[in-house]
Amino acid sequence: MSLLAEEPVELRDRIRALAAVAPAQARRVLVQEVALLAGGEVHSGFAAPATGLDVECVCRGYERELWLWLVGERTWAQCASGLEGRFLRRLRAPQP
């Protein structure tokens, strides 16, 4: 499986521009936007609504790595792979 295989270049550029003037807001928007992108793929690929997976919460926990991608310290492949791993571990974890 290849979750988020395509690098969201337009999103990256838009958030980078925002980060130049409002870094805190850029971090929030980055997490929300990646969660929207990932949410569609996770829900279609894993039937996540049935599992109760909170995609935005998972992305919020991965915020630092997303930010490192945004500023060029990580590649999208590294970032997406790590995020995919988080989703898979949470989907396989026993639900309370």
PDB file of N, CA and C in Angstrom:
ATOM      1  N   MET A   1       0.844  -1.170   0.000  1.00  0.00           N
ATOM      2  CA  MET A   1       0.000   0.000   0.000  1.00  0.00           C
ATOM      3  C   MET A   1       0.889   1.232   0.000  1.00  0.00           C
ATOM      4  N   SER A   2       0.403   2.289  -0.589  1.00  0.00           N
ATOM      5  CA  SER A   2       1.172   3.521  -0.642  1.00  0.00           C
ATOM      6  C   SER A   2       0.263   4.695  -0.321  1.00  0.00           C
ATOM      7  N   LEU A   3       0.087   4.945   0.924  1.00  0.00           N
ATOM      8  CA  LEU A   3      -0.742   6.046   1.392  1.00  0.00           C
ATOM      9  C   LEU A   3      -0.058   7.362   1.059  1.00  0.00           C
ATOM     10  N   LEU A   4      -0.798   8.301   0.551  1.00  0.00           N
ATOM     11  CA  LEU A   4      -0.274   9.632   0.238  1.00  0.00           C
ATOM     12  C   LEU A   4       0.962   9.576  -0.650  1.00  0.00           C
ATOM     13  N   ALA A   5       0.882   8.801  -1.711  1.00  0.00           N
ATOM     14  CA  ALA A   5       2.035   8.610  -2.593  1.00  0.00           C
ATOM     15  C   ALA A   5       2.453   9.891  -3.310  1.00  0.00           C
ATOM     16  N   GLU A   6       1.504  10.708  -3.681  1.00  0.00           N
ATOM     17  CA  GLU A   6       1.808  11.933  -4.411  1.00  0.00           C
ATOM     18  C   GLU A   6       2.087  13.082  -3.436  1.00  0.00           C
ATOM     19  N   GLU A   7       3.243  13.702  -3.602  1.00  0.00           N
ATOM     20  CA  GLU A   7       3.585  14.843  -2.753  1.00  0.00           C
ATOM     21  C   GLU A   7       2.641  16.009  -3.038  1.00  0.00           C
ATOM     22  N   PRO A   8       2.017  16.553  -2.006  1.00  0.00           N
ATOM     23  CA  PRO A   8       1.092  17.683  -2.205  1.00  0.00           C
ATOM     24  C   PRO A   8       1.873  19.000  -2.345  1.00  0.00           C
ATOM     25  N   VAL A   9       2.439  19.212  -3.517  1.00  0.00           N
ATOM     26  CA  VAL A   9       3.319  20.361  -3.764  1.00  0.00           C
ATOM     27  C   VAL A   9       2.579  21.685  -3.584  1.00  0.00           C
ATOM     28  N   GLU A  10       1.366  21.772  -4.097  1.00  0.00           N
ATOM     29  CA  GLU A  10       0.590  23.017  -3.964  1.00  0.00           C
ATOM     30  C   GLU A  10       0.332  23.321  -2.497  1.00  0.00           C
ATOM     31  N   LEU A  11      -0.011  22.309  -1.738  1.00  0.00           N
ATOM     32  CA  LEU A  11      -0.232  22.486  -0.299  1.00  0.00           C
ATOM     33  C   LEU A  11       1.055  22.955   0.372  1.00  0.00           C
ATOM     34  N   ARG A  12       2.160  22.305   0.060  1.00  0.00           N
ATOM     35  CA  ARG A  12       3.450  22.683   0.644  1.00  0.00           C
ATOM     36  C   ARG A  12       3.767  24.150   0.369  1.00  0.00           C
ATOM     37  N   ASP A  13       3.613  24.555  -0.871  1.00  0.00           N
ATOM     38  CA  ASP A  13       3.932  25.933  -1.236  1.00  0.00           C
ATOM     39  C   ASP A  13       3.011  26.932  -0.533  1.00  0.00           C
ATOM     40  N   ARG A  14       1.744  26.596  -0.450  1.00  0.00           N
ATOM     41  CA  ARG A  14       0.770  27.485   0.200  1.00  0.00           C
ATOM     42  C   ARG A  14       1.064  27.619   1.693  1.00  0.00           C
ATOM     43  N   ILE A  15       1.373  26.504   2.350  1.00  0.00           N
ATOM     44  CA  ILE A  15       1.652  26.541   3.786  1.00  0.00           C
ATOM     45  C   ILE A  15       2.998  27.220   4.058  1.00  0.00           C
ATOM     46  N   ARG A  16       3.964  27.021   3.189  1.00  0.00           N
ATOM     47  CA  ARG A  16       5.251  27.717   3.352  1.00  0.00           C
ATOM     48  C   ARG A  16       5.047  29.228   3.328  1.00  0.00           C
ATOM     49  N   ALA A  17       4.229  29.708   2.417  1.00  0.00           N
ATOM     50  CA  ALA A  17       3.958  31.145   2.337  1.00  0.00           C
ATOM     51  C   ALA A  17       3.284  31.638   3.620  1.00  0.00           C
ATOM     52  N   LEU A  18       2.353  30.858   4.135  1.00  0.00           N
ATOM     53  CA  LEU A  18       1.685  31.218   5.380  1.00  0.00           C
ATOM     54  C   LEU A  18       2.668  31.197   6.546  1.00  0.00           C
ATOM     55  N   ALA A  19       3.567  30.225   6.562  1.00  0.00           N
ATOM     56  CA  ALA A  19       4.537  30.092   7.653  1.00  0.00           C
ATOM     57  C   ALA A  19       5.452  31.303   7.762  1.00  0.00           C
ATOM     58  N   ALA A  20       5.685  31.969   6.642  1.00  0.00           N
ATOM     59  CA  ALA A  20       6.549  33.145   6.649  1.00  0.00           C
ATOM     60  C   ALA A  20       5.951  34.295   7.449  1.00  0.00           C
ATOM     61  N   VAL A  21       4.620  34.332   7.548  1.00  0.00           N
ATOM     62  CA  VAL A  21       3.964  35.433   8.270  1.00  0.00           C
ATOM     63  C   VAL A  21       3.249  34.983   9.544  1.00  0.00           C
ATOM     64  N   ALA A  22       2.862  33.723   9.617  1.00  0.00           N
ATOM     65  CA  ALA A  22       2.111  33.226  10.775  1.00  0.00           C
ATOM     66  C   ALA A  22       2.451  31.755  11.026  1.00  0.00           C
ATOM     67  N   PRO A  23       3.621  31.487  11.620  1.00  0.00           N
ATOM     68  CA  PRO A  23       4.057  30.095  11.796  1.00  0.00           C
ATOM     69  C   PRO A  23       3.096  29.215  12.610  1.00  0.00           C
ATOM     70  N   ALA A  24       2.541  29.746  13.674  1.00  0.00           N
ATOM     71  CA  ALA A  24       1.631  28.934  14.496  1.00  0.00           C
ATOM     72  C   ALA A  24       0.383  28.550  13.709  1.00  0.00           C
ATOM     73  N   GLN A  25      -0.150  29.496  12.973  1.00  0.00           N
ATOM     74  CA  GLN A  25      -1.324  29.204  12.152  1.00  0.00           C
ATOM     75  C   GLN A  25      -0.955  28.213  11.048  1.00  0.00           C
ATOM     76  N   ALA A  26       0.235  28.361  10.483  1.00  0.00           N
ATOM     77  CA  ALA A  26       0.679  27.448   9.427  1.00  0.00           C
ATOM     78  C   ALA A  26       0.760  26.017   9.939  1.00  0.00           C
ATOM     79  N   ARG A  27       1.218  25.825  11.167  1.00  0.00           N
ATOM     80  CA  ARG A  27       1.300  24.473  11.741  1.00  0.00           C
ATOM     81  C   ARG A  27      -0.090  23.860  11.869  1.00  0.00           C
ATOM     82  N   ARG A  28      -1.043  24.644  12.359  1.00  0.00           N
ATOM     83  CA  ARG A  28      -2.415  24.139  12.504  1.00  0.00           C
ATOM     84  C   ARG A  28      -3.009  23.780  11.144  1.00  0.00           C
ATOM     85  N   VAL A  29      -2.842  24.668  10.176  1.00  0.00           N
ATOM     86  CA  VAL A  29      -3.393  24.432   8.845  1.00  0.00           C
ATOM     87  C   VAL A  29      -2.723  23.222   8.199  1.00  0.00           C
ATOM     88  N   LEU A  30      -1.423  23.086   8.385  1.00  0.00           N
ATOM     89  CA  LEU A  30      -0.695  21.941   7.835  1.00  0.00           C
ATOM     90  C   LEU A  30      -1.291  20.630   8.334  1.00  0.00           C
ATOM     91  N   VAL A  31      -1.486  20.527   9.624  1.00  0.00           N
ATOM     92  CA  VAL A  31      -2.054  19.308  10.210  1.00  0.00           C
ATOM     93  C   VAL A  31      -3.461  19.060   9.669  1.00  0.00           C
ATOM     94  N   GLN A  32      -4.287  20.097   9.644  1.00  0.00           N
ATOM     95  CA  GLN A  32      -5.659  19.942   9.166  1.00  0.00           C
ATOM     96  C   GLN A  32      -5.706  19.509   7.697  1.00  0.00           C
ATOM     97  N   GLU A  33      -4.872  20.132   6.874  1.00  0.00           N
ATOM     98  CA  GLU A  33      -4.883  19.822   5.436  1.00  0.00           C
ATOM     99  C   GLU A  33      -4.355  18.410   5.158  1.00  0.00           C
ATOM    100  N   VAL A  34      -3.286  18.025   5.835  1.00  0.00           N
ATOM    101  CA  VAL A  34      -2.767  16.666   5.642  1.00  0.00           C
ATOM    102  C   VAL A  34      -3.784  15.652   6.154  1.00  0.00           C
ATOM    103  N   ALA A  35      -4.472  15.976   7.243  1.00  0.00           N
ATOM    104  CA  ALA A  35      -5.509  15.074   7.758  1.00  0.00           C
ATOM    105  C   ALA A  35      -6.626  14.898   6.729  1.00  0.00           C
ATOM    106  N   LEU A  36      -6.999  15.973   6.049  1.00  0.00           N
ATOM    107  CA  LEU A  36      -8.027  15.854   5.009  1.00  0.00           C
ATOM    108  C   LEU A  36      -7.552  14.963   3.866  1.00  0.00           C
ATOM    109  N   LEU A  37      -6.308  15.179   3.442  1.00  0.00           N
ATOM    110  CA  LEU A  37      -5.757  14.338   2.375  1.00  0.00           C
ATOM    111  C   LEU A  37      -5.692  12.878   2.810  1.00  0.00           C
ATOM    112  N   ALA A  38      -5.135  12.664   3.980  1.00  0.00           N
ATOM    113  CA  ALA A  38      -4.963  11.301   4.482  1.00  0.00           C
ATOM    114  C   ALA A  38      -6.299  10.659   4.808  1.00  0.00           C
ATOM    115  N   GLY A  39      -7.215  11.436   5.329  1.00  0.00           N
ATOM    116  CA  GLY A  39      -8.515  10.900   5.725  1.00  0.00           C
ATOM    117  C   GLY A  39      -9.243  10.221   4.587  1.00  0.00           C
ATOM    118  N   GLY A  40      -9.227  10.831   3.430  1.00  0.00           N
ATOM    119  CA  GLY A  40      -9.878  10.222   2.277  1.00  0.00           C
ATOM    120  C   GLY A  40      -9.236   8.904   1.905  1.00  0.00           C
ATOM    121  N   GLU A  41      -7.923   8.857   1.934  1.00  0.00           N
ATOM    122  CA  GLU A  41      -7.223   7.632   1.567  1.00  0.00           C
ATOM    123  C   GLU A  41      -7.349   6.566   2.646  1.00  0.00           C
ATOM    124  N   VAL A  42      -7.245   6.977   3.889  1.00  0.00           N
ATOM    125  CA  VAL A  42      -7.367   6.011   4.988  1.00  0.00           C
ATOM    126  C   VAL A  42      -8.768   5.432   5.004  1.00  0.00           C
ATOM    127  N   HIS A  43      -9.765   6.277   4.898  1.00  0.00           N
ATOM    128  CA  HIS A  43     -11.143   5.795   4.955  1.00  0.00           C
ATOM    129  C   HIS A  43     -11.475   4.886   3.793  1.00  0.00           C
ATOM    130  N   SER A  44     -10.984   5.203   2.608  1.00  0.00           N
ATOM    131  CA  SER A  44     -11.295   4.340   1.472  1.00  0.00           C
ATOM    132  C   SER A  44     -10.462   3.061   1.499  1.00  0.00           C
ATOM    133  N   GLY A  45      -9.233   3.145   2.007  1.00  0.00           N
ATOM    134  CA  GLY A  45      -8.357   1.984   2.000  1.00  0.00           C
ATOM    135  C   GLY A  45      -8.534   1.043   3.172  1.00  0.00           C
ATOM    136  N   PHE A  46      -9.011   1.556   4.300  1.00  0.00           N
ATOM    137  CA  PHE A  46      -9.071   0.735   5.513  1.00  0.00           C
ATOM    138  C   PHE A  46     -10.444   0.656   6.150  1.00  0.00           C
ATOM    139  N   ALA A  47     -11.422   1.298   5.582  1.00  0.00           N
ATOM    140  CA  ALA A  47     -12.735   1.379   6.218  1.00  0.00           C
ATOM    141  C   ALA A  47     -12.599   1.947   7.617  1.00  0.00           C
ATOM    142  N   ALA A  48     -11.826   3.015   7.751  1.00  0.00           N
ATOM    143  CA  ALA A  48     -11.526   3.612   9.052  1.00  0.00           C
ATOM    144  C   ALA A  48     -12.742   4.100   9.832  1.00  0.00           C
ATOM    145  N   PRO A  49     -13.822   4.562   9.199  1.00  0.00           N
ATOM    146  CA  PRO A  49     -14.951   5.008  10.020  1.00  0.00           C
ATOM    147  C   PRO A  49     -15.437   3.922  10.967  1.00  0.00           C
ATOM    148  N   ALA A  50     -15.378   2.686  10.521  1.00  0.00           N
ATOM    149  CA  ALA A  50     -15.823   1.581  11.370  1.00  0.00           C
ATOM    150  C   ALA A  50     -14.869   1.352  12.545  1.00  0.00           C
ATOM    151  N   THR A  51     -13.610   1.772  12.394  1.00  0.00           N
ATOM    152  CA  THR A  51     -12.635   1.554  13.459  1.00  0.00           C
ATOM    153  C   THR A  51     -12.603   2.689  14.466  1.00  0.00           C
ATOM    154  N   GLY A  52     -13.192   3.825  14.115  1.00  0.00           N
ATOM    155  CA  GLY A  52     -13.158   4.976  15.007  1.00  0.00           C
ATOM    156  C   GLY A  52     -11.831   5.713  14.979  1.00  0.00           C
ATOM    157  N   LEU A  53     -11.026   5.505  13.954  1.00  0.00           N
ATOM    158  CA  LEU A  53      -9.727   6.155  13.835  1.00  0.00           C
ATOM    159  C   LEU A  53      -9.904   7.664  13.672  1.00  0.00           C
ATOM    160  N   ASP A  54      -9.233   8.449  14.510  1.00  0.00           N
ATOM    161  CA  ASP A  54      -9.262   9.899  14.430  1.00  0.00           C
ATOM    162  C   ASP A  54      -8.049  10.339  13.612  1.00  0.00           C
ATOM    163  N   VAL A  55      -8.252  10.558  12.328  1.00  0.00           N
ATOM    164  CA  VAL A  55      -7.166  10.872  11.407  1.00  0.00           C
ATOM    165  C   VAL A  55      -6.473  12.164  11.804  1.00  0.00           C
ATOM    166  N   GLU A  56      -7.222  13.188  12.174  1.00  0.00           N
ATOM    167  CA  GLU A  56      -6.600  14.460  12.548  1.00  0.00           C
ATOM    168  C   GLU A  56      -5.747  14.311  13.803  1.00  0.00           C
ATOM    169  N   CYS A  57      -6.189  13.513  14.737  1.00  0.00           N
ATOM    170  CA  CYS A  57      -5.408  13.272  15.954  1.00  0.00           C
ATOM    171  C   CYS A  57      -4.078  12.598  15.614  1.00  0.00           C
ATOM    172  N   VAL A  58      -4.106  11.633  14.717  1.00  0.00           N
ATOM    173  CA  VAL A  58      -2.881  10.956  14.298  1.00  0.00           C
ATOM    174  C   VAL A  58      -1.950  11.958  13.627  1.00  0.00           C
ATOM    175  N   CYS A  59      -2.490  12.807  12.758  1.00  0.00           N
ATOM    176  CA  CYS A  59      -1.675  13.814  12.076  1.00  0.00           C
ATOM    177  C   CYS A  59      -1.132  14.846  13.064  1.00  0.00           C
ATOM    178  N   ARG A  60      -1.926  15.201  14.053  1.00  0.00           N
ATOM    179  CA  ARG A  60      -1.460  16.156  15.069  1.00  0.00           C
ATOM    180  C   ARG A  60      -0.269  15.582  15.829  1.00  0.00           C
ATOM    181  N   GLY A  61      -0.299  14.294  16.106  1.00  0.00           N
ATOM    182  CA  GLY A  61       0.816  13.647  16.777  1.00  0.00           C
ATOM    183  C   GLY A  61       2.058  13.543  15.904  1.00  0.00           C
ATOM    184  N   TYR A  62       1.890  13.740  14.609  1.00  0.00           N
ATOM    185  CA  TYR A  62       2.985  13.660  13.652  1.00  0.00           C
ATOM    186  C   TYR A  62       3.380  15.057  13.159  1.00  0.00           C
ATOM    187  N   GLU A  63       2.902  16.086  13.834  1.00  0.00           N
ATOM    188  CA  GLU A  63       3.086  17.471  13.395  1.00  0.00           C
ATOM    189  C   GLU A  63       4.546  17.846  13.179  1.00  0.00           C
ATOM    190  N   ARG A  64       5.413  17.437  14.065  1.00  0.00           N
ATOM    191  CA  ARG A  64       6.824  17.805  13.938  1.00  0.00           C
ATOM    192  C   ARG A  64       7.420  17.271  12.641  1.00  0.00           C
ATOM    193  N   GLU A  65       7.118  16.029  12.324  1.00  0.00           N
ATOM    194  CA  GLU A  65       7.634  15.442  11.083  1.00  0.00           C
ATOM    195  C   GLU A  65       7.029  16.120   9.857  1.00  0.00           C
ATOM    196  N   LEU A  66       5.759  16.476   9.919  1.00  0.00           N
ATOM    197  CA  LEU A  66       5.132  17.202   8.818  1.00  0.00           C
ATOM    198  C   LEU A  66       5.823  18.552   8.625  1.00  0.00           C
ATOM    199  N   TRP A  67       6.134  19.207   9.729  1.00  0.00           N
ATOM    200  CA  TRP A  67       6.806  20.502   9.663  1.00  0.00           C
ATOM    201  C   TRP A  67       8.206  20.343   9.049  1.00  0.00           C
ATOM    202  N   LEU A  68       8.896  19.288   9.426  1.00  0.00           N
ATOM    203  CA  LEU A  68      10.230  19.058   8.863  1.00  0.00           C
ATOM    204  C   LEU A  68      10.157  18.835   7.352  1.00  0.00           C
ATOM    205  N   TRP A  69       9.102  18.183   6.880  1.00  0.00           N
ATOM    206  CA  TRP A  69       8.895  18.057   5.433  1.00  0.00           C
ATOM    207  C   TRP A  69       8.664  19.439   4.827  1.00  0.00           C
ATOM    208  N   LEU A  70       7.830  20.228   5.479  1.00  0.00           N
ATOM    209  CA  LEU A  70       7.491  21.545   4.967  1.00  0.00           C
ATOM    210  C   LEU A  70       8.737  22.413   4.785  1.00  0.00           C
ATOM    211  N   VAL A  71       9.663  22.342   5.739  1.00  0.00           N
ATOM    212  CA  VAL A  71      10.858  23.195   5.666  1.00  0.00           C
ATOM    213  C   VAL A  71      12.009  22.536   4.913  1.00  0.00           C
ATOM    214  N   GLY A  72      11.784  21.333   4.384  1.00  0.00           N
ATOM    215  CA  GLY A  72      12.775  20.692   3.537  1.00  0.00           C
ATOM    216  C   GLY A  72      13.760  19.773   4.235  1.00  0.00           C
ATOM    217  N   GLU A  73      13.510  19.449   5.498  1.00  0.00           N
ATOM    218  CA  GLU A  73      14.395  18.551   6.242  1.00  0.00           C
ATOM    219  C   GLU A  73      14.037  17.076   6.066  1.00  0.00           C
ATOM    220  N   ARG A  74      12.870  16.795   5.544  1.00  0.00           N
ATOM    221  CA  ARG A  74      12.431  15.433   5.250  1.00  0.00           C
ATOM    222  C   ARG A  74      11.869  15.415   3.840  1.00  0.00           C
ATOM    223  N   THR A  75      11.973  14.273   3.194  1.00  0.00           N
ATOM    224  CA  THR A  75      11.310  14.129   1.896  1.00  0.00           C
ATOM    225  C   THR A  75       9.854  13.748   2.148  1.00  0.00           C
ATOM    226  N   TRP A  76       9.031  13.928   1.129  1.00  0.00           N
ATOM    227  CA  TRP A  76       7.640  13.521   1.273  1.00  0.00           C
ATOM    228  C   TRP A  76       7.549  12.011   1.470  1.00  0.00           C
ATOM    229  N   ALA A  77       8.404  11.258   0.782  1.00  0.00           N
ATOM    230  CA  ALA A  77       8.375   9.802   0.918  1.00  0.00           C
ATOM    231  C   ALA A  77       8.632   9.397   2.371  1.00  0.00           C
ATOM    232  N   GLN A  78       9.588  10.028   3.033  1.00  0.00           N
ATOM    233  CA  GLN A  78       9.863   9.725   4.442  1.00  0.00           C
ATOM    234  C   GLN A  78       8.673  10.087   5.315  1.00  0.00           C
ATOM    235  N   CYS A  79       8.131  11.246   5.079  1.00  0.00           N
ATOM    236  CA  CYS A  79       7.027  11.733   5.900  1.00  0.00           C
ATOM    237  C   CYS A  79       5.774  10.868   5.715  1.00  0.00           C
ATOM    238  N   ALA A  80       5.430  10.607   4.462  1.00  0.00           N
ATOM    239  CA  ALA A  80       4.235   9.810   4.178  1.00  0.00           C
ATOM    240  C   ALA A  80       4.373   8.388   4.704  1.00  0.00           C
ATOM    241  N   SER A  81       5.571   7.825   4.599  1.00  0.00           N
ATOM    242  CA  SER A  81       5.804   6.465   5.093  1.00  0.00           C
ATOM    243  C   SER A  81       5.610   6.392   6.607  1.00  0.00           C
ATOM    244  N   GLY A  82       6.145   7.354   7.313  1.00  0.00           N
ATOM    245  CA  GLY A  82       5.979   7.381   8.773  1.00  0.00           C
ATOM    246  C   GLY A  82       4.534   7.569   9.181  1.00  0.00           C
ATOM    247  N   LEU A  83       3.830   8.427   8.471  1.00  0.00           N
ATOM    248  CA  LEU A  83       2.421   8.666   8.773  1.00  0.00           C
ATOM    249  C   LEU A  83       1.595   7.415   8.487  1.00  0.00           C
ATOM    250  N   GLU A  84       1.907   6.757   7.388  1.00  0.00           N
ATOM    251  CA  GLU A  84       1.220   5.509   7.051  1.00  0.00           C
ATOM    252  C   GLU A  84       1.419   4.474   8.163  1.00  0.00           C
ATOM    253  N   GLY A  85       2.637   4.380   8.680  1.00  0.00           N
ATOM    254  CA  GLY A  85       2.921   3.450   9.769  1.00  0.00           C
ATOM    255  C   GLY A  85       2.082   3.747  10.997  1.00  0.00           C
ATOM    256  N   ARG A  86       1.924   5.020  11.309  1.00  0.00           N
ATOM    257  CA  ARG A  86       1.088   5.397  12.458  1.00  0.00           C
ATOM    258  C   ARG A  86      -0.359   4.960  12.250  1.00  0.00           C
ATOM    259  N   PHE A  87      -0.875   5.198  11.049  1.00  0.00           N
ATOM    260  CA  PHE A  87      -2.252   4.784  10.767  1.00  0.00           C
ATOM    261  C   PHE A  87      -2.396   3.270  10.899  1.00  0.00           C
ATOM    262  N   LEU A  88      -1.476   2.544  10.314  1.00  0.00           N
ATOM    263  CA  LEU A  88      -1.561   1.081  10.363  1.00  0.00           C
ATOM    264  C   LEU A  88      -1.498   0.559  11.794  1.00  0.00           C
ATOM    265  N   ARG A  89      -0.597   1.108  12.603  1.00  0.00           N
ATOM    266  CA  ARG A  89      -0.502   0.645  14.003  1.00  0.00           C
ATOM    267  C   ARG A  89      -1.784   0.937  14.766  1.00  0.00           C
ATOM    268  N   ARG A  90      -2.384   2.074  14.534  1.00  0.00           N
ATOM    269  CA  ARG A  90      -3.614   2.417  15.259  1.00  0.00           C
ATOM    270  C   ARG A  90      -4.793   1.591  14.771  1.00  0.00           C
ATOM    271  N   LEU A  91      -4.794   1.273  13.503  1.00  0.00           N
ATOM    272  CA  LEU A  91      -5.887   0.446  12.984  1.00  0.00           C
ATOM    273  C   LEU A  91      -5.778  -0.990  13.470  1.00  0.00           C
ATOM    274  N   ARG A  92      -4.566  -1.436  13.739  1.00  0.00           N
ATOM    275  CA  ARG A  92      -4.375  -2.815  14.219  1.00  0.00           C
ATOM    276  C   ARG A  92      -4.479  -2.938  15.731  1.00  0.00           C
ATOM    277  N   ALA A  93      -4.399  -1.800  16.424  1.00  0.00           N
ATOM    278  CA  ALA A  93      -4.465  -1.814  17.897  1.00  0.00           C
ATOM    279  C   ALA A  93      -5.874  -2.190  18.342  1.00  0.00           C
ATOM    280  N   PRO A  94      -5.968  -2.917  19.442  1.00  0.00           N
ATOM    281  CA  PRO A  94      -7.302  -3.255  19.965  1.00  0.00           C
ATOM    282  C   PRO A  94      -8.053  -1.986  20.367  1.00  0.00           C
ATOM    283  N   GLN A  95      -9.311  -1.929  20.025  1.00  0.00           N
ATOM    284  CA  GLN A  95     -10.147  -0.779  20.360  1.00  0.00           C
ATOM    285  C   GLN A  95     -10.787  -0.993  21.726  1.00  0.00           C
ATOM    286  N   PRO A  96     -10.841   0.086  22.534  1.00  0.00           N
ATOM    287  CA  PRO A  96     -11.457  -0.054  23.874  1.00  0.00           C
ATOM    288  C   PRO A  96     -12.940  -0.299  23.801  1.00  0.00           C
TER     289      PRO A  96
END
